[in-house]
PDB file of all heavy atoms in Angstrom:
ATOM      1  N   GLY A   1     -15.078  -3.395  25.939  1.00  0.00           N
ATOM      2  CA  GLY A   1     -16.464  -3.823  25.778  1.00  0.00           C
ATOM      3  C   GLY A   1     -17.058  -3.545  24.413  1.00  0.00           C
ATOM      4  O   GLY A   1     -18.275  -3.538  24.246  1.00  0.00           O
ATOM      5  N   CYS A   2     -16.211  -3.322  23.411  1.00  0.00           N
ATOM      6  CA  CYS A   2     -16.704  -3.124  22.052  1.00  0.00           C
ATOM      7  C   CYS A   2     -17.279  -4.447  21.539  1.00  0.00           C
ATOM      8  O   CYS A   2     -16.855  -5.522  21.974  1.00  0.00           O
ATOM      9  CB  CYS A   2     -15.572  -2.661  21.138  1.00  0.00           C
ATOM     10  SG  CYS A   2     -14.804  -1.113  21.660  1.00  0.00           S
ATOM     11  N   ILE A   3     -18.222  -4.354  20.631  1.00  0.00           N
ATOM     12  CA  ILE A   3     -18.859  -5.547  20.074  1.00  0.00           C
ATOM     13  C   ILE A   3     -18.634  -5.555  18.569  1.00  0.00           C
ATOM     14  O   ILE A   3     -18.969  -4.588  17.877  1.00  0.00           O
ATOM     15  CB  ILE A   3     -20.372  -5.557  20.386  1.00  0.00           C
ATOM     16  CG1 ILE A   3     -20.592  -5.589  21.896  1.00  0.00           C
ATOM     17  CG2 ILE A   3     -21.061  -6.726  19.694  1.00  0.00           C
ATOM     18  CD1 ILE A   3     -22.019  -5.319  22.322  1.00  0.00           C
ATOM     19  N   ILE A   4     -18.082  -6.646  18.061  1.00  0.00           N
ATOM     20  CA  ILE A   4     -17.909  -6.799  16.616  1.00  0.00           C
ATOM     21  C   ILE A   4     -19.225  -7.317  16.055  1.00  0.00           C
ATOM     22  O   ILE A   4     -19.639  -8.431  16.351  1.00  0.00           O
ATOM     23  CB  ILE A   4     -16.742  -7.743  16.287  1.00  0.00           C
ATOM     24  CG1 ILE A   4     -15.429  -7.131  16.781  1.00  0.00           C
ATOM     25  CG2 ILE A   4     -16.689  -8.012  14.783  1.00  0.00           C
ATOM     26  CD1 ILE A   4     -14.223  -8.028  16.621  1.00  0.00           C
ATOM     27  N   LYS A   5     -19.891  -6.458  15.259  1.00  0.00           N
ATOM     28  CA  LYS A   5     -21.175  -6.820  14.655  1.00  0.00           C
ATOM     29  C   LYS A   5     -20.978  -7.647  13.400  1.00  0.00           C
ATOM     30  O   LYS A   5     -21.766  -8.534  13.117  1.00  0.00           O
ATOM     31  CB  LYS A   5     -21.981  -5.567  14.327  1.00  0.00           C
ATOM     32  CG  LYS A   5     -22.483  -4.813  15.553  1.00  0.00           C
ATOM     33  CD  LYS A   5     -23.325  -3.633  15.158  1.00  0.00           C
ATOM     34  CE  LYS A   5     -24.575  -4.112  14.449  1.00  0.00           C
ATOM     35  NZ  LYS A   5     -25.524  -3.047  14.136  1.00  0.00           N
ATOM     36  N   SER A   6     -19.943  -7.319  12.626  1.00  0.00           N
ATOM     37  CA  SER A   6     -19.644  -8.106  11.425  1.00  0.00           C
ATOM     38  C   SER A   6     -18.175  -7.944  11.075  1.00  0.00           C
ATOM     39  O   SER A   6     -17.539  -6.953  11.436  1.00  0.00           O
ATOM     40  CB  SER A   6     -20.531  -7.682  10.239  1.00  0.00           C
ATOM     41  OG  SER A   6     -20.181  -6.402   9.785  1.00  0.00           O
ATOM     42  N   LYS A   7     -17.686  -8.945  10.372  1.00  0.00           N
ATOM     43  CA  LYS A   7     -16.287  -8.941   9.944  1.00  0.00           C
ATOM     44  C   LYS A   7     -16.244  -9.603   8.572  1.00  0.00           C
ATOM     45  O   LYS A   7     -16.740 -10.721   8.404  1.00  0.00           O
ATOM     46  CB  LYS A   7     -15.438  -9.718  10.938  1.00  0.00           C
ATOM     47  CG  LYS A   7     -13.968  -9.602  10.675  1.00  0.00           C
ATOM     48  CD  LYS A   7     -13.033 -10.386  11.578  1.00  0.00           C
ATOM     49  CE  LYS A   7     -13.485 -10.767  12.916  1.00  0.00           C
ATOM     50  NZ  LYS A   7     -12.459 -11.460  13.701  1.00  0.00           N
ATOM     51  N   GLN A   8     -15.686  -8.885   7.601  1.00  0.00           N
ATOM     52  CA  GLN A   8     -15.537  -9.416   6.249  1.00  0.00           C
ATOM     53  C   GLN A   8     -14.079  -9.309   5.819  1.00  0.00           C
ATOM     54  O   GLN A   8     -13.382  -8.384   6.247  1.00  0.00           O
ATOM     55  CB  GLN A   8     -16.321  -8.587   5.232  1.00  0.00           C
ATOM     56  CG  GLN A   8     -17.780  -8.459   5.396  1.00  0.00           C
ATOM     57  CD  GLN A   8     -18.307  -7.537   4.283  1.00  0.00           C
ATOM     58  OE1 GLN A   8     -18.083  -7.756   3.099  1.00  0.00           O
ATOM     59  NE2 GLN A   8     -18.989  -6.487   4.693  1.00  0.00           N
ATOM     60  N   LEU A   9     -13.677 -10.207   4.972  1.00  0.00           N
ATOM     61  CA  LEU A   9     -12.392 -10.099   4.304  1.00  0.00           C
ATOM     62  C   LEU A   9     -12.708 -10.074   2.818  1.00  0.00           C
ATOM     63  O   LEU A   9     -13.237 -11.043   2.269  1.00  0.00           O
ATOM     64  CB  LEU A   9     -11.485 -11.274   4.668  1.00  0.00           C
ATOM     65  CG  LEU A   9     -10.033 -11.148   4.294  1.00  0.00           C
ATOM     66  CD1 LEU A   9      -9.405  -9.926   4.965  1.00  0.00           C
ATOM     67  CD2 LEU A   9      -9.267 -12.386   4.673  1.00  0.00           C
ATOM     68  N   ARG A  10     -12.452  -8.944   2.171  1.00  0.00           N
ATOM     69  CA  ARG A  10     -12.838  -8.740   0.778  1.00  0.00           C
ATOM     70  C   ARG A  10     -11.602  -8.575  -0.097  1.00  0.00           C
ATOM     71  O   ARG A  10     -10.658  -7.877   0.277  1.00  0.00           O
ATOM     72  CB  ARG A  10     -13.706  -7.489   0.654  1.00  0.00           C
ATOM     73  CG  ARG A  10     -15.016  -7.582   1.389  1.00  0.00           C
ATOM     74  CD  ARG A  10     -15.719  -6.241   1.464  1.00  0.00           C
ATOM     75  NE  ARG A  10     -15.825  -5.517   0.216  1.00  0.00           N
ATOM     76  CZ  ARG A  10     -16.963  -5.353  -0.466  1.00  0.00           C
ATOM     77  NH1 ARG A  10     -18.086  -5.870   0.000  1.00  0.00           N
ATOM     78  NH2 ARG A  10     -16.978  -4.653  -1.590  1.00  0.00           N
ATOM     79  N   LYS A  11     -11.626  -9.196  -1.269  1.00  0.00           N
ATOM     80  CA  LYS A  11     -10.560  -9.005  -2.249  1.00  0.00           C
ATOM     81  C   LYS A  11     -10.752  -7.640  -2.895  1.00  0.00           C
ATOM     82  O   LYS A  11     -11.861  -7.266  -3.243  1.00  0.00           O
ATOM     83  CB  LYS A  11     -10.617 -10.082  -3.327  1.00  0.00           C
ATOM     84  CG  LYS A  11     -10.321 -11.471  -2.829  1.00  0.00           C
ATOM     85  CD  LYS A  11     -10.458 -12.471  -3.954  1.00  0.00           C
ATOM     86  CE  LYS A  11     -10.296 -13.887  -3.435  1.00  0.00           C
ATOM     87  NZ  LYS A  11     -10.527 -14.877  -4.490  1.00  0.00           N
ATOM     88  N   LEU A  12      -9.653  -6.913  -3.026  1.00  0.00           N
ATOM     89  CA  LEU A  12      -9.735  -5.635  -3.718  1.00  0.00           C
ATOM     90  C   LEU A  12      -9.968  -5.881  -5.204  1.00  0.00           C
ATOM     91  O   LEU A  12      -9.476  -6.870  -5.760  1.00  0.00           O
ATOM     92  CB  LEU A  12      -8.465  -4.815  -3.488  1.00  0.00           C
ATOM     93  CG  LEU A  12      -8.328  -4.243  -2.081  1.00  0.00           C
ATOM     94  CD1 LEU A  12      -6.978  -3.575  -1.894  1.00  0.00           C
ATOM     95  CD2 LEU A  12      -9.448  -3.257  -1.773  1.00  0.00           C
ATOM     96  N   PRO A  13     -10.713  -5.005  -5.862  1.00  0.00           N
ATOM     97  CA  PRO A  13     -11.089  -5.241  -7.256  1.00  0.00           C
ATOM     98  C   PRO A  13      -9.922  -5.051  -8.225  1.00  0.00           C
ATOM     99  O   PRO A  13      -9.008  -4.266  -7.976  1.00  0.00           O
ATOM    100  CB  PRO A  13     -12.170  -4.190  -7.502  1.00  0.00           C
ATOM    101  CG  PRO A  13     -11.831  -3.075  -6.570  1.00  0.00           C
ATOM    102  CD  PRO A  13     -11.276  -3.751  -5.340  1.00  0.00           C
ATOM    103  N   HIS A  14      -9.995  -5.792  -9.331  1.00  0.00           N
ATOM    104  CA  HIS A  14      -9.030  -5.615 -10.411  1.00  0.00           C
ATOM    105  C   HIS A  14      -9.541  -4.508 -11.309  1.00  0.00           C
ATOM    106  O   HIS A  14     -10.690  -4.524 -11.736  1.00  0.00           O
ATOM    107  CB  HIS A  14      -8.880  -6.920 -11.206  1.00  0.00           C
ATOM    108  CG  HIS A  14      -8.007  -6.765 -12.401  1.00  0.00           C
ATOM    109  ND1 HIS A  14      -8.501  -6.568 -13.664  1.00  0.00           N
ATOM    110  CD2 HIS A  14      -6.659  -6.752 -12.519  1.00  0.00           C
ATOM    111  CE1 HIS A  14      -7.502  -6.451 -14.514  1.00  0.00           C
ATOM    112  NE2 HIS A  14      -6.376  -6.559 -13.842  1.00  0.00           N
ATOM    113  N   LEU A  15      -8.695  -3.521 -11.568  1.00  0.00           N
ATOM    114  CA  LEU A  15      -9.028  -2.442 -12.486  1.00  0.00           C
ATOM    115  C   LEU A  15      -8.039  -2.489 -13.649  1.00  0.00           C
ATOM    116  O   LEU A  15      -6.881  -2.883 -13.479  1.00  0.00           O
ATOM    117  CB  LEU A  15      -8.943  -1.082 -11.792  1.00  0.00           C
ATOM    118  CG  LEU A  15      -9.843  -0.895 -10.566  1.00  0.00           C
ATOM    119  CD1 LEU A  15      -9.628   0.486  -9.958  1.00  0.00           C
ATOM    120  CD2 LEU A  15     -11.302  -1.098 -10.914  1.00  0.00           C
ATOM    121  N   ALA A  16      -8.496  -2.074 -14.808  1.00  0.00           N
ATOM    122  CA  ALA A  16      -7.648  -2.095 -16.003  1.00  0.00           C
ATOM    123  C   ALA A  16      -6.340  -1.354 -15.745  1.00  0.00           C
ATOM    124  O   ALA A  16      -6.326  -0.280 -15.147  1.00  0.00           O
ATOM    125  CB  ALA A  16      -8.385  -1.455 -17.177  1.00  0.00           C
ATOM    126  N   ARG A  17      -5.248  -1.943 -16.186  1.00  0.00           N
ATOM    127  CA  ARG A  17      -3.898  -1.381 -16.092  1.00  0.00           C
ATOM    128  C   ARG A  17      -3.416  -1.150 -14.661  1.00  0.00           C
ATOM    129  O   ARG A  17      -2.491  -0.380 -14.435  1.00  0.00           O
ATOM    130  CB  ARG A  17      -3.790  -0.098 -16.918  1.00  0.00           C
ATOM    131  CG  ARG A  17      -4.038  -0.306 -18.394  1.00  0.00           C
ATOM    132  CD  ARG A  17      -3.838   0.951 -19.208  1.00  0.00           C
ATOM    133  NE  ARG A  17      -4.560   2.114 -18.749  1.00  0.00           N
ATOM    134  CZ  ARG A  17      -5.808   2.438 -19.084  1.00  0.00           C
ATOM    135  NH1 ARG A  17      -6.486   1.648 -19.885  1.00  0.00           N
ATOM    136  NH2 ARG A  17      -6.364   3.544 -18.633  1.00  0.00           N
ATOM    137  N   CYS A  18      -4.042  -1.772 -13.695  1.00  0.00           N
ATOM    138  CA  CYS A  18      -3.612  -1.635 -12.297  1.00  0.00           C
ATOM    139  C   CYS A  18      -3.229  -3.014 -11.757  1.00  0.00           C
ATOM    140  O   CYS A  18      -3.904  -4.005 -12.034  1.00  0.00           O
ATOM    141  CB  CYS A  18      -4.729  -1.064 -11.426  1.00  0.00           C
ATOM    142  SG  CYS A  18      -5.137   0.640 -11.790  1.00  0.00           S
ATOM    143  N   LYS A  19      -2.181  -3.046 -10.980  1.00  0.00           N
ATOM    144  CA  LYS A  19      -1.725  -4.304 -10.370  1.00  0.00           C
ATOM    145  C   LYS A  19      -1.784  -4.264  -8.847  1.00  0.00           C
ATOM    146  O   LYS A  19      -1.420  -5.225  -8.187  1.00  0.00           O
ATOM    147  CB  LYS A  19      -0.285  -4.607 -10.806  1.00  0.00           C
ATOM    148  CG  LYS A  19      -0.120  -4.817 -12.286  1.00  0.00           C
ATOM    149  CD  LYS A  19      -0.578  -6.183 -12.688  1.00  0.00           C
ATOM    150  CE  LYS A  19      -0.221  -6.434 -14.140  1.00  0.00           C
ATOM    151  NZ  LYS A  19      -1.203  -7.241 -14.805  1.00  0.00           N
ATOM    152  N   LYS A  20      -2.213  -3.146  -8.281  1.00  0.00           N
ATOM    153  CA  LYS A  20      -2.203  -2.989  -6.819  1.00  0.00           C
ATOM    154  C   LYS A  20      -3.177  -3.916  -6.111  1.00  0.00           C
ATOM    155  O   LYS A  20      -3.125  -4.058  -4.895  1.00  0.00           O
ATOM    156  CB  LYS A  20      -2.499  -1.543  -6.429  1.00  0.00           C
ATOM    157  CG  LYS A  20      -1.473  -0.555  -6.933  1.00  0.00           C
ATOM    158  CD  LYS A  20      -0.151  -0.743  -6.250  1.00  0.00           C
ATOM    159  CE  LYS A  20       0.825   0.336  -6.707  1.00  0.00           C
ATOM    160  NZ  LYS A  20       2.095   0.236  -6.073  1.00  0.00           N
ATOM    161  N   HIS A  21      -4.071  -4.555  -6.853  1.00  0.00           N
ATOM    162  CA  HIS A  21      -5.013  -5.489  -6.242  1.00  0.00           C
ATOM    163  C   HIS A  21      -4.347  -6.822  -5.906  1.00  0.00           C
ATOM    164  O   HIS A  21      -4.963  -7.689  -5.277  1.00  0.00           O
ATOM    165  CB  HIS A  21      -6.220  -5.717  -7.157  1.00  0.00           C
ATOM    166  CG  HIS A  21      -5.901  -6.495  -8.390  1.00  0.00           C
ATOM    167  ND1 HIS A  21      -5.144  -5.972  -9.422  1.00  0.00           N
ATOM    168  CD2 HIS A  21      -6.204  -7.757  -8.733  1.00  0.00           C
ATOM    169  CE1 HIS A  21      -5.003  -6.892 -10.357  1.00  0.00           C
ATOM    170  NE2 HIS A  21      -5.637  -7.989  -9.973  1.00  0.00           N
ATOM    171  N   LEU A  22      -3.086  -6.971  -6.307  1.00  0.00           N
ATOM    172  CA  LEU A  22      -2.335  -8.197  -6.041  1.00  0.00           C
ATOM    173  C   LEU A  22      -1.145  -7.893  -5.128  1.00  0.00           C
ATOM    174  O   LEU A  22      -0.517  -6.835  -5.245  1.00  0.00           O
ATOM    175  CB  LEU A  22      -1.809  -8.797  -7.348  1.00  0.00           C
ATOM    176  CG  LEU A  22      -2.855  -9.194  -8.382  1.00  0.00           C
ATOM    177  CD1 LEU A  22      -2.174  -9.613  -9.672  1.00  0.00           C
ATOM    178  CD2 LEU A  22      -3.757 -10.296  -7.845  1.00  0.00           C
ATOM    179  N   LEU A  23      -0.839  -8.830  -4.243  1.00  0.00           N
ATOM    180  CA  LEU A  23       0.365  -8.716  -3.415  1.00  0.00           C
ATOM    181  C   LEU A  23       1.580  -8.949  -4.299  1.00  0.00           C
ATOM    182  O   LEU A  23       1.576  -9.855  -5.148  1.00  0.00           O
ATOM    183  CB  LEU A  23       0.337  -9.728  -2.273  1.00  0.00           C
ATOM    184  CG  LEU A  23      -0.720  -9.487  -1.198  1.00  0.00           C
ATOM    185  CD1 LEU A  23      -0.819 -10.686  -0.261  1.00  0.00           C
ATOM    186  CD2 LEU A  23      -0.408  -8.227  -0.405  1.00  0.00           C
ATOM    187  N   THR A  24       2.611  -8.150  -4.119  1.00  0.00           N
ATOM    188  CA  THR A  24       3.804  -8.285  -4.955  1.00  0.00           C
ATOM    189  C   THR A  24       4.641  -9.504  -4.579  1.00  0.00           C
ATOM    190  O   THR A  24       5.453  -9.967  -5.370  1.00  0.00           O
ATOM    191  CB  THR A  24       4.692  -7.022  -4.863  1.00  0.00           C
ATOM    192  OG1 THR A  24       5.066  -6.822  -3.505  1.00  0.00           O
ATOM    193  CG2 THR A  24       3.958  -5.803  -5.390  1.00  0.00           C
ATOM    194  N   THR A  25       4.434 -10.036  -3.387  1.00  0.00           N
ATOM    195  CA  THR A  25       5.246 -11.171  -2.937  1.00  0.00           C
ATOM    196  C   THR A  25       4.923 -12.456  -3.677  1.00  0.00           C
ATOM    197  O   THR A  25       5.827 -13.180  -4.076  1.00  0.00           O
ATOM    198  CB  THR A  25       5.052 -11.402  -1.428  1.00  0.00           C
ATOM    199  OG1 THR A  25       3.649 -11.436  -1.145  1.00  0.00           O
ATOM    200  CG2 THR A  25       5.719 -10.308  -0.624  1.00  0.00           C
ATOM    201  N   ASP A  26       3.628 -12.724  -3.875  1.00  0.00           N
ATOM    202  CA  ASP A  26       3.263 -13.995  -4.506  1.00  0.00           C
ATOM    203  C   ASP A  26       2.118 -13.877  -5.510  1.00  0.00           C
ATOM    204  O   ASP A  26       1.660 -14.881  -6.045  1.00  0.00           O
ATOM    205  CB  ASP A  26       2.902 -15.036  -3.435  1.00  0.00           C
ATOM    206  CG  ASP A  26       1.722 -14.628  -2.584  1.00  0.00           C
ATOM    207  OD1 ASP A  26       1.104 -13.577  -2.851  1.00  0.00           O
ATOM    208  OD2 ASP A  26       1.399 -15.375  -1.637  1.00  0.00           O
ATOM    209  N   GLY A  27       1.641 -12.670  -5.771  1.00  0.00           N
ATOM    210  CA  GLY A  27       0.578 -12.475  -6.748  1.00  0.00           C
ATOM    211  C   GLY A  27      -0.818 -12.847  -6.252  1.00  0.00           C
ATOM    212  O   GLY A  27      -1.762 -12.843  -7.033  1.00  0.00           O
ATOM    213  N   SER A  28      -0.933 -13.154  -4.988  1.00  0.00           N
ATOM    214  CA  SER A  28      -2.257 -13.483  -4.451  1.00  0.00           C
ATOM    215  C   SER A  28      -3.073 -12.194  -4.285  1.00  0.00           C
ATOM    216  O   SER A  28      -2.514 -11.099  -4.231  1.00  0.00           O
ATOM    217  CB  SER A  28      -2.134 -14.237  -3.126  1.00  0.00           C
ATOM    218  OG  SER A  28      -1.499 -13.451  -2.162  1.00  0.00           O
ATOM    219  N   PRO A  29      -4.397 -12.320  -4.205  1.00  0.00           N
ATOM    220  CA  PRO A  29      -5.227 -11.123  -4.092  1.00  0.00           C
ATOM    221  C   PRO A  29      -4.934 -10.337  -2.817  1.00  0.00           C
ATOM    222  O   PRO A  29      -4.727 -10.912  -1.750  1.00  0.00           O
ATOM    223  CB  PRO A  29      -6.653 -11.675  -4.040  1.00  0.00           C
ATOM    224  CG  PRO A  29      -6.567 -13.050  -4.597  1.00  0.00           C
ATOM    225  CD  PRO A  29      -5.186 -13.544  -4.283  1.00  0.00           C
ATOM    226  N   ARG A  30      -4.900  -9.015  -2.960  1.00  0.00           N
ATOM    227  CA  ARG A  30      -4.770  -8.130  -1.809  1.00  0.00           C
ATOM    228  C   ARG A  30      -6.177  -7.958  -1.231  1.00  0.00           C
ATOM    229  O   ARG A  30      -7.124  -7.713  -1.963  1.00  0.00           O
ATOM    230  CB  ARG A  30      -4.210  -6.777  -2.238  1.00  0.00           C
ATOM    231  CG  ARG A  30      -3.910  -5.846  -1.072  1.00  0.00           C
ATOM    232  CD  ARG A  30      -3.341  -4.511  -1.550  1.00  0.00           C
ATOM    233  NE  ARG A  30      -2.197  -4.635  -2.422  1.00  0.00           N
ATOM    234  CZ  ARG A  30      -0.941  -4.798  -2.004  1.00  0.00           C
ATOM    235  NH1 ARG A  30      -0.675  -4.855  -0.721  1.00  0.00           N
ATOM    236  NH2 ARG A  30       0.051  -4.905  -2.869  1.00  0.00           N
TER     237      ARG A  30
END
């Protein structure tokens, strides 16, 4: 009986010298 009040899908931010914001499989945003 839980209620989902909101649901978002957010791209992780790009930070200088970091690549973790991208998926390694195809380079799409994580």
